[in-house]
Amino acid sequence: MNYTEIYRSKLASVEDEIACIRSGDIISTGGEMCEPTAFLENFHHVAPKLDNIELIKGKKGSGLTYPFMAMPELRGKLNMVCHLYDPSLRKAQELGLASHLPSNLHDMMQRRVEHRGKIDKLIVMTSAMDENGNFTVSGCGMWEQCAYENADTVILEVNPNLPRFNGCLTIPIDRVDMIVEVNYPATTYNVRSIPSDTDLAIGAYAADFVHNGDCIQLGLGAMPDAVGNSFFDKKDLGLHTELYTPVMGDLIKAGVINGSRKTVDRGKHVGNFVLGDEKLYRILSEDPNVMFRQASYTNDPFVISQIDNMVSINTAMEIDLTGQICSESIGPMQYSGTGGAFDFAFGAQHSKGGRGIIAIASTAKKGTVSKIKPILTPGSIVTISRNVADIIITEYGVAYMRGRTVKERAEQLINIAHPDFRDELRFEAKKLMYI
């Protein structure tokens, strides 16, 4: 048979897709724009009849809640295993349907497979089949390849609206067990934001740490956007990142990011997944130097450390006076996840000439709470240990952690805290014998 005939022989309905799930299955879905929407929208029709289901699921940038995620009667029948949380997954945890998987993104799925021993079913949305009989898992490579390599059954939701990007995981039709045709618009995210004066002040400080020819990584949000928007006067920047964001697309389009001085993947703009709008998708799909790679590569701290002058810029939720950084919880409440925060902090610190920057506003809740604290809020997760902390920036300046004692760190962090909290921080630091 030719590819078209094989394709037709594997066509199935959404009803067939959900009906093939069996009690005891370990299921991995694709992430972000490759999340299998039809399956997840309809899973509630069969979930109550099943037991002992493990569903490995990523967060959705849109925070979408599927019907099964709000069914308390599934408690004890379904466990969603999630490395990053969004509002819908936080709610699912409250219902006893989800549990956080502490992990670094570069080996999250590998560690889970080692523990569980297998993946029964991979269900993922892909682009349409190409002339060579291949489907593309477009725009996301956080854990999909590892799940694919360990899956007994591969089910595709084939969506002709998904853009194609260089380097994404391809799945040959011979490896596919079931095809469900769907027609959803490609997921877009309104993540372009207007930076505040605080964001702009922090961005200006951060820009001083990025030099012509450096290789950069930025996180998501107004703060990293403000930092990225301060780079348009730079030259020959490289890109090695977890996440492609709109400001990165703009920098590529402007020629600021060209990768000409990278010591690894020279000339290539390397990333793992994308959150953005149609403009960003168009830039990434049309530039032959954009190269999607799996998180096992992009986020491997030992790969990152081989890139000279690697500058990682992320944000955090709070920092204590010794340099412990929490990026993922509010006290004990899991708010997001580690993702690649530690991967890039460790990799950048071990890069020749590298810098690991945490850019953080000095306060939260309209200035009523300091984000620099004597100790972390009880129960808070230490995302980046104080041993790996490097450079902390607020709108009030820069504090250096690398090679500094606790006393030196505490003094510097107090100096870049909001003035309203400095006396209290100094008082507490003395009680703790930090200074």
Protein backbone atom coordinates (compact mmCIF):
# COMPACT_ATOMS: atom_id res chain seq x y z
CA MET A 1 0.00 0.00 0.00
CA ASN A 2 1.08 3.58 -0.52
CA TYR A 3 1.09 6.15 2.28
CA THR A 4 -2.42 7.36 1.48
CA GLU A 5 -3.84 3.85 1.66
CA ILE A 6 -2.06 3.13 4.93
CA TYR A 7 -3.39 6.43 6.29
CA ARG A 8 -6.98 5.53 5.39
CA SER A 9 -6.63 2.10 6.94
CA LYS A 10 -5.80 3.70 10.31
CA LEU A 11 -8.55 6.31 10.36
CA ALA A 12 -10.81 6.22 13.38
CA SER A 13 -13.36 8.40 15.16
CA VAL A 14 -13.05 10.28 18.44
CA GLU A 15 -15.38 7.63 19.88
CA ASP A 16 -12.89 4.94 18.83
CA GLU A 17 -10.05 6.97 20.36
CA ILE A 18 -11.57 7.21 23.83
CA ALA A 19 -12.97 3.68 23.69
CA CYS A 20 -9.48 2.18 23.34
CA ILE A 21 -8.45 3.33 26.82
CA ARG A 22 -8.26 0.48 29.33
CA SER A 23 -8.14 0.43 33.12
CA GLY A 24 -4.54 0.56 34.30
CA ASP A 25 -3.31 2.49 31.26
CA ILE A 26 -0.44 4.95 31.54
CA ILE A 27 -1.19 7.65 28.98
CA SER A 28 1.01 10.52 27.86
CA THR A 29 -0.46 13.42 25.94
CA GLY A 30 1.43 16.00 23.93
CA GLY A 31 2.03 19.46 25.36
CA GLU A 32 0.78 22.96 24.51
CA MET A 33 -0.29 23.21 20.83
CA CYS A 34 0.20 19.43 20.49
CA GLU A 35 -2.22 18.60 23.28
CA PRO A 36 -4.84 16.15 21.88
CA THR A 37 -7.88 18.38 22.26
CA ALA A 38 -10.53 16.00 20.95
CA PHE A 39 -9.45 13.21 23.29
CA LEU A 40 -9.31 15.47 26.33
CA GLU A 41 -12.63 17.14 25.50
CA ASN A 42 -14.34 13.75 25.34
CA PHE A 43 -12.47 11.69 27.92
CA HIS A 44 -15.16 12.35 30.54
CA HIS A 45 -17.54 10.08 28.59
CA VAL A 46 -15.48 6.98 29.45
CA ALA A 47 -13.38 7.99 32.46
CA PRO A 48 -15.97 7.02 35.12
CA LYS A 49 -15.97 3.45 33.78
CA LEU A 50 -12.20 3.08 34.19
CA ASP A 51 -9.86 2.53 37.12
CA ASN A 52 -6.20 3.22 37.87
CA ILE A 53 -5.56 5.57 34.93
CA GLU A 54 -2.38 7.64 34.90
CA LEU A 55 -2.52 10.63 32.57
CA ILE A 56 0.74 12.50 32.05
CA LYS A 57 -0.35 15.97 31.04
CA GLY A 58 1.28 19.35 30.67
CA LYS A 59 -0.20 22.66 31.61
CA LYS A 60 -2.05 24.58 28.92
CA GLY A 61 -0.93 28.16 28.37
CA SER A 62 -4.58 29.14 28.08
CA GLY A 63 -5.45 27.45 31.39
CA LEU A 64 -8.15 25.40 29.68
CA THR A 65 -10.18 23.09 31.90
CA TYR A 66 -11.54 19.94 30.25
CA PRO A 67 -14.75 18.41 31.65
CA PHE A 68 -13.05 15.38 33.25
CA MET A 69 -10.78 17.70 35.24
CA ALA A 70 -13.74 18.97 37.24
CA MET A 71 -15.26 15.58 38.13
CA PRO A 72 -14.62 14.77 41.81
CA GLU A 73 -16.12 11.33 41.26
CA LEU A 74 -12.93 10.39 39.38
CA ARG A 75 -10.87 10.63 42.57
CA GLY A 76 -9.18 7.28 43.07
CA LYS A 77 -9.77 6.34 39.43
CA LEU A 78 -7.58 8.94 37.70
CA ASN A 79 -4.25 10.53 38.55
CA MET A 80 -2.90 13.30 36.36
CA VAL A 81 0.87 13.51 36.62
CA CYS A 82 1.96 17.08 35.90
CA HIS A 83 5.38 18.74 35.94
CA LEU A 84 3.97 22.26 35.51
CA TYR A 85 0.73 23.61 36.94
CA ASP A 86 -1.80 26.14 35.66
CA PRO A 87 -5.08 27.24 37.31
CA SER A 88 -7.00 24.24 35.99
CA LEU A 89 -4.41 21.77 37.31
CA ARG A 90 -4.27 23.48 40.68
CA LYS A 91 -8.04 23.01 40.89
CA ALA A 92 -7.70 19.38 39.79
CA GLN A 93 -5.23 18.79 42.61
CA GLU A 94 -7.76 20.20 45.09
CA LEU A 95 -10.21 17.56 43.79
CA GLY A 96 -7.61 14.81 44.23
CA LEU A 97 -7.22 14.27 40.48
CA ALA A 98 -3.69 15.59 39.94
CA SER A 99 -0.30 15.35 41.58
CA HIS A 100 2.80 17.39 40.86
CA LEU A 101 5.90 15.62 39.54
CA PRO A 102 8.98 17.38 40.98
CA SER A 103 11.40 17.40 38.08
CA ASN A 104 13.76 19.28 35.82
CA LEU A 105 12.37 19.54 32.33
CA HIS A 106 15.35 17.97 30.59
CA ASP A 107 14.72 14.51 32.08
CA MET A 108 11.17 14.69 33.43
CA MET A 109 9.69 11.97 31.23
CA GLN A 110 12.76 9.75 31.37
CA ARG A 111 12.61 9.67 35.15
CA ARG A 112 8.87 8.86 35.09
CA VAL A 113 9.36 6.05 32.58
CA GLU A 114 12.16 4.61 34.71
CA HIS A 115 9.76 4.57 37.65
CA ARG A 116 6.67 3.24 35.86
CA GLY A 117 8.46 1.06 33.32
CA LYS A 118 6.35 1.93 30.31
CA ILE A 119 3.93 4.21 28.48
CA ASP A 120 0.85 2.37 27.26
CA LYS A 121 -0.44 5.09 24.95
CA LEU A 122 0.91 8.30 23.51
CA ILE A 123 -1.89 10.57 22.28
CA VAL A 124 -0.71 13.70 20.54
CA MET A 125 -1.88 16.30 18.00
CA THR A 126 0.27 16.57 14.89
CA SER A 127 0.46 18.35 11.57
CA ALA A 128 -0.91 16.71 8.42
CA MET A 129 1.08 13.84 6.90
CA ASP A 130 3.78 14.94 4.46
CA GLU A 131 4.71 13.33 1.15
CA ASN A 132 7.09 10.96 2.93
CA GLY A 133 4.45 9.58 5.25
CA ASN A 134 5.61 11.53 8.31
CA PHE A 135 3.66 13.55 10.86
CA THR A 136 5.21 16.44 12.81
CA VAL A 137 4.70 17.02 16.52
CA SER A 138 4.80 20.76 15.95
CA GLY A 139 5.91 23.43 18.35
CA CYS A 140 6.50 21.32 21.46
CA GLY A 141 9.26 18.91 22.41
CA MET A 142 9.20 18.92 26.18
CA TRP A 143 8.75 15.18 26.74
CA GLU A 144 7.05 13.86 23.60
CA GLN A 145 10.03 12.04 22.08
CA CYS A 146 10.76 10.09 25.25
CA ALA A 147 7.08 9.15 25.53
CA TYR A 148 7.02 8.16 21.86
CA GLU A 149 10.10 5.96 22.20
CA ASN A 150 8.55 4.14 25.15
CA ALA A 151 4.92 3.94 24.01
CA ASP A 152 3.22 0.68 23.08
CA THR A 153 0.45 2.46 21.16
CA VAL A 154 0.65 5.76 19.24
CA ILE A 155 -2.55 7.69 18.53
CA LEU A 156 -2.48 10.87 16.46
CA GLU A 157 -4.99 13.68 16.20
CA VAL A 158 -4.08 15.04 12.78
CA ASN A 159 -4.74 18.75 12.43
CA PRO A 160 -3.99 20.49 9.11
CA ASN A 161 -3.89 23.87 10.86
CA LEU A 162 -0.76 23.19 12.88
CA PRO A 163 2.27 25.09 11.59
CA ARG A 164 5.44 23.16 10.79
CA PHE A 165 8.78 24.02 12.36
CA ASN A 166 12.27 22.71 11.66
CA GLY A 167 13.58 20.00 13.93
CA CYS A 168 10.36 18.89 15.62
CA LEU A 169 9.72 15.22 16.34
CA THR A 170 8.50 13.34 13.27
CA ILE A 171 6.47 10.15 13.49
CA PRO A 172 6.35 7.80 10.48
CA ILE A 173 2.97 6.38 9.60
CA ASP A 174 4.23 2.82 10.10
CA ARG A 175 4.59 3.62 13.81
CA VAL A 176 1.05 4.98 14.12
CA ASP A 177 -1.77 2.78 15.42
CA MET A 178 -4.74 5.15 15.08
CA ILE A 179 -5.44 8.41 13.27
CA VAL A 180 -8.24 10.79 14.23
CA GLU A 181 -8.74 13.75 11.93
CA VAL A 182 -9.49 17.03 13.72
CA ASN A 183 -9.80 20.64 12.64
CA TYR A 184 -8.94 23.07 15.42
CA PRO A 185 -7.29 26.47 14.93
CA ALA A 186 -3.64 26.37 15.97
CA THR A 187 -3.49 27.45 19.60
CA THR A 188 -2.27 31.02 19.95
CA TYR A 189 -1.41 32.92 23.10
CA ASN A 190 -1.67 36.61 23.81
CA VAL A 191 1.60 36.79 25.71
CA ARG A 192 2.77 40.17 24.43
CA SER A 193 2.53 42.49 27.41
CA ILE A 194 3.03 46.15 28.20
CA PRO A 195 5.94 46.42 30.62
CA SER A 196 5.54 48.51 33.76
CA ASP A 197 8.05 51.11 34.88
CA THR A 198 9.43 48.47 37.26
CA ASP A 199 9.86 46.01 34.40
CA LEU A 200 11.65 48.63 32.31
CA ALA A 201 13.99 49.54 35.16
CA ILE A 202 14.90 45.90 35.67
CA GLY A 203 15.29 45.43 31.93
CA ALA A 204 17.78 48.28 31.79
CA TYR A 205 19.90 46.72 34.54
CA ALA A 206 19.75 43.29 32.87
CA ALA A 207 20.74 44.71 29.49
CA ASP A 208 24.10 45.73 30.94
CA PHE A 209 24.87 42.05 31.52
CA VAL A 210 24.26 41.06 27.90
CA HIS A 211 27.08 41.82 25.52
CA ASN A 212 27.42 41.56 21.75
CA GLY A 213 27.91 37.93 20.79
CA ASP A 214 26.36 36.45 23.95
CA CYS A 215 23.90 33.57 23.78
CA ILE A 216 20.62 34.23 25.61
CA GLN A 217 17.69 32.44 27.19
CA LEU A 218 14.58 34.27 28.38
CA GLY A 219 11.56 33.14 30.34
CA LEU A 220 7.93 34.12 29.79
CA GLY A 221 6.17 37.24 31.04
CA ALA A 222 6.32 41.01 31.17
CA MET A 223 9.66 41.02 32.97
CA PRO A 224 11.60 38.89 30.44
CA ASP A 225 9.82 40.79 27.64
CA ALA A 226 11.08 44.08 29.03
CA VAL A 227 14.57 42.61 29.24
CA GLY A 228 14.38 41.29 25.69
CA ASN A 229 13.12 44.61 24.34
CA SER A 230 16.28 46.25 25.67
CA PHE A 231 18.44 44.12 23.35
CA PHE A 232 17.64 45.73 20.00
CA ASP A 233 20.88 47.69 20.05
CA LYS A 234 22.92 44.50 20.58
CA LYS A 235 24.72 42.60 17.82
CA ASP A 236 25.28 38.94 16.96
CA LEU A 237 23.30 37.45 19.83
CA GLY A 238 22.77 33.71 19.93
CA LEU A 239 19.66 31.91 21.13
CA HIS A 240 19.51 28.66 23.08
CA THR A 241 16.26 28.59 24.99
CA GLU A 242 13.54 26.44 26.42
CA LEU A 243 10.74 28.69 25.18
CA TYR A 244 10.38 30.79 22.05
CA THR A 245 8.56 34.04 22.90
CA PRO A 246 7.35 36.90 20.69
CA VAL A 247 10.24 39.19 21.63
CA MET A 248 12.67 36.48 20.52
CA GLY A 249 10.89 36.32 17.17
CA ASP A 250 11.21 40.09 16.83
CA LEU A 251 14.93 39.92 17.64
CA ILE A 252 15.42 37.16 15.05
CA LYS A 253 13.50 39.15 12.44
CA ALA A 254 15.58 42.25 13.20
CA GLY A 255 18.83 40.30 12.80
CA VAL A 256 19.90 40.96 16.38
CA ILE A 257 19.78 37.23 17.00
CA ASN A 258 21.84 35.59 14.27
CA GLY A 259 23.90 33.01 16.17
CA SER A 260 27.08 33.91 14.31
CA ARG A 261 29.26 33.66 17.44
CA LYS A 262 27.70 30.63 19.12
CA THR A 263 30.12 27.93 20.16
CA VAL A 264 27.41 25.24 19.93
CA ASP A 265 24.91 25.09 17.04
CA ARG A 266 26.50 28.10 15.38
CA GLY A 267 24.00 30.05 13.30
CA LYS A 268 21.00 28.13 14.67
CA HIS A 269 18.26 29.56 16.89
CA VAL A 270 17.57 26.61 19.17
CA GLY A 271 14.47 26.18 21.34
CA ASN A 272 12.12 23.59 22.68
CA PHE A 273 8.53 24.87 22.56
CA VAL A 274 6.62 27.99 21.59
CA LEU A 275 3.96 30.21 23.14
CA GLY A 276 2.93 33.09 20.95
CA ASP A 277 0.82 34.52 18.20
CA GLU A 278 0.56 33.95 14.46
CA LYS A 279 3.28 36.52 13.82
CA LEU A 280 5.73 34.52 15.94
CA TYR A 281 4.72 31.23 14.30
CA ARG A 282 5.29 32.75 10.88
CA ILE A 283 8.76 34.03 11.81
CA LEU A 284 9.79 30.67 13.26
CA SER A 285 8.40 28.58 10.41
CA GLU A 286 9.94 30.72 7.66
CA ASP A 287 13.46 31.05 9.09
CA PRO A 288 15.58 28.02 8.11
CA ASN A 289 17.92 28.69 11.03
CA VAL A 290 15.23 28.13 13.65
CA MET A 291 15.75 24.66 15.09
CA PHE A 292 13.38 22.99 17.53
CA ARG A 293 15.04 20.35 19.67
CA GLN A 294 13.81 18.11 22.47
CA ALA A 295 14.11 19.29 26.09
CA SER A 296 16.56 16.44 26.69
CA TYR A 297 18.92 18.55 24.55
CA THR A 298 17.89 22.19 24.98
CA ASN A 299 17.59 21.92 28.75
CA ASP A 300 20.46 19.57 29.47
CA PRO A 301 22.65 21.66 31.79
CA PHE A 302 25.73 19.91 30.45
CA VAL A 303 24.85 21.03 26.90
CA ILE A 304 24.10 24.56 28.13
CA SER A 305 27.41 24.70 29.97
CA GLN A 306 29.29 24.08 26.71
CA ILE A 307 27.91 27.30 25.20
CA ASP A 308 30.35 30.14 25.90
CA ASN A 309 28.88 33.37 27.28
CA MET A 310 25.51 31.82 27.99
CA VAL A 311 23.17 34.31 29.71
CA SER A 312 20.05 32.87 31.32
CA ILE A 313 17.39 35.38 32.42
CA ASN A 314 14.39 34.15 34.39
CA THR A 315 12.16 35.43 37.15
CA ALA A 316 11.05 34.10 40.53
CA MET A 317 8.34 34.37 43.17
CA GLU A 318 10.57 35.08 46.16
CA ILE A 319 14.20 34.96 47.32
CA ASP A 320 15.63 34.67 50.82
CA LEU A 321 18.63 36.53 52.18
CA THR A 322 20.96 33.57 51.64
CA GLY A 323 20.09 33.38 47.93
CA GLN A 324 17.57 30.53 47.91
CA ILE A 325 15.19 31.08 44.99
CA CYS A 326 11.57 29.94 44.81
CA SER A 327 10.08 30.10 41.32
CA GLU A 328 7.17 27.71 41.60
CA SER A 329 5.13 27.77 44.80
CA ILE A 330 3.30 30.07 47.17
CA GLY A 331 4.32 28.53 50.45
CA PRO A 332 3.46 24.83 50.09
CA MET A 333 0.91 25.46 47.32
CA GLN A 334 2.29 24.31 43.99
CA TYR A 335 1.70 27.21 41.62
CA SER A 336 3.70 26.27 38.52
CA GLY A 337 6.79 24.03 38.43
CA THR A 338 10.55 23.93 38.16
CA GLY A 339 10.47 23.62 34.37
CA GLY A 340 13.87 24.62 33.08
CA ALA A 341 14.74 27.17 35.78
CA PHE A 342 17.37 25.01 37.45
CA ASP A 343 18.59 23.55 34.14
CA PHE A 344 19.50 26.98 32.78
CA ALA A 345 20.73 28.44 36.08
CA PHE A 346 23.17 25.56 36.53
CA GLY A 347 24.18 25.46 32.86
CA ALA A 348 24.75 29.21 32.59
CA GLN A 349 26.83 29.32 35.77
CA HIS A 350 29.13 26.62 34.38
CA SER A 351 29.39 28.20 30.94
CA LYS A 352 32.66 29.94 30.10
CA GLY A 353 31.78 33.58 30.67
CA GLY A 354 28.19 32.62 31.51
CA ARG A 355 25.74 34.47 33.76
CA GLY A 356 22.58 33.24 35.46
CA ILE A 357 20.23 36.15 36.14
CA ILE A 358 17.03 36.22 38.19
CA ALA A 359 15.06 39.38 37.47
CA ILE A 360 12.38 40.05 40.06
CA ALA A 361 10.25 43.00 41.17
CA SER A 362 11.03 43.95 44.73
CA THR A 363 7.42 43.69 45.92
CA ALA A 364 4.12 41.93 45.28
CA LYS A 365 0.47 42.65 46.09
CA LYS A 366 0.67 46.33 45.16
CA GLY A 367 3.79 46.94 47.20
CA THR A 368 2.54 45.40 50.43
CA VAL A 369 4.78 42.30 50.39
CA SER A 370 8.53 42.08 49.87
CA LYS A 371 9.71 39.41 47.47
CA ILE A 372 13.08 39.44 49.22
CA LYS A 373 12.51 37.73 52.56
CA PRO A 374 14.64 36.83 55.57
CA ILE A 375 13.62 33.20 55.03
CA LEU A 376 11.38 31.74 52.36
CA THR A 377 7.70 31.47 53.21
CA PRO A 378 7.35 28.19 55.15
CA GLY A 379 6.72 25.34 52.75
CA SER A 380 8.11 27.17 49.73
CA ILE A 381 9.95 25.10 47.15
CA VAL A 382 13.63 25.87 46.57
CA THR A 383 13.75 25.86 42.79
CA ILE A 384 17.33 27.13 42.52
CA SER A 385 19.56 26.42 45.48
CA ARG A 386 21.69 29.15 46.95
CA ASN A 387 24.75 27.25 45.70
CA VAL A 388 23.65 27.93 42.12
CA ALA A 389 22.29 31.48 42.59
CA ASP A 390 24.32 34.00 40.60
CA ILE A 391 22.93 37.48 39.86
CA ILE A 392 19.71 38.94 41.31
CA ILE A 393 18.21 42.10 39.83
CA THR A 394 15.34 44.25 41.09
CA GLU A 395 14.31 47.75 40.05
CA TYR A 396 16.68 49.00 42.79
CA GLY A 397 19.84 47.40 41.47
CA VAL A 398 21.97 44.27 41.31
CA ALA A 399 23.06 41.75 43.94
CA TYR A 400 25.82 39.22 43.28
CA MET A 401 25.58 35.76 44.82
CA ARG A 402 28.39 33.82 43.15
CA GLY A 403 31.34 33.37 45.47
CA ARG A 404 29.78 35.55 48.18
CA THR A 405 29.28 34.63 51.84
CA VAL A 406 25.86 34.68 53.47
CA LYS A 407 26.74 38.01 55.08
CA GLU A 408 27.77 39.53 51.77
CA ARG A 409 24.66 38.19 50.06
CA ALA A 410 22.32 39.44 52.77
CA GLU A 411 23.82 42.94 52.66
CA GLN A 412 23.49 43.13 48.89
CA LEU A 413 19.94 41.76 48.80
CA ILE A 414 18.80 44.20 51.49
CA ASN A 415 20.22 47.02 49.39
CA ILE A 416 18.10 46.06 46.35
CA ALA A 417 14.93 45.38 48.34
CA HIS A 418 12.18 47.98 48.35
CA PRO A 419 13.17 50.81 50.74
CA ASP A 420 10.00 50.26 52.79
CA PHE A 421 11.25 46.80 53.83
CA ARG A 422 14.97 47.32 54.25
CA ASP A 423 14.95 48.12 57.98
CA GLU A 424 12.81 45.06 58.73
CA LEU A 425 15.04 42.85 56.58
CA ARG A 426 18.14 44.14 58.35
CA PHE A 427 16.55 43.56 61.75
CA GLU A 428 15.62 39.96 60.83
CA ALA A 429 19.04 39.34 59.24
CA LYS A 430 20.71 40.25 62.52
CA LYS A 431 18.38 37.95 64.47
CA LEU A 432 19.30 35.12 62.09
CA MET A 433 23.00 36.04 62.47
CA TYR A 434 23.34 36.54 58.73
CA ILE A 435 24.94 39.95 59.28
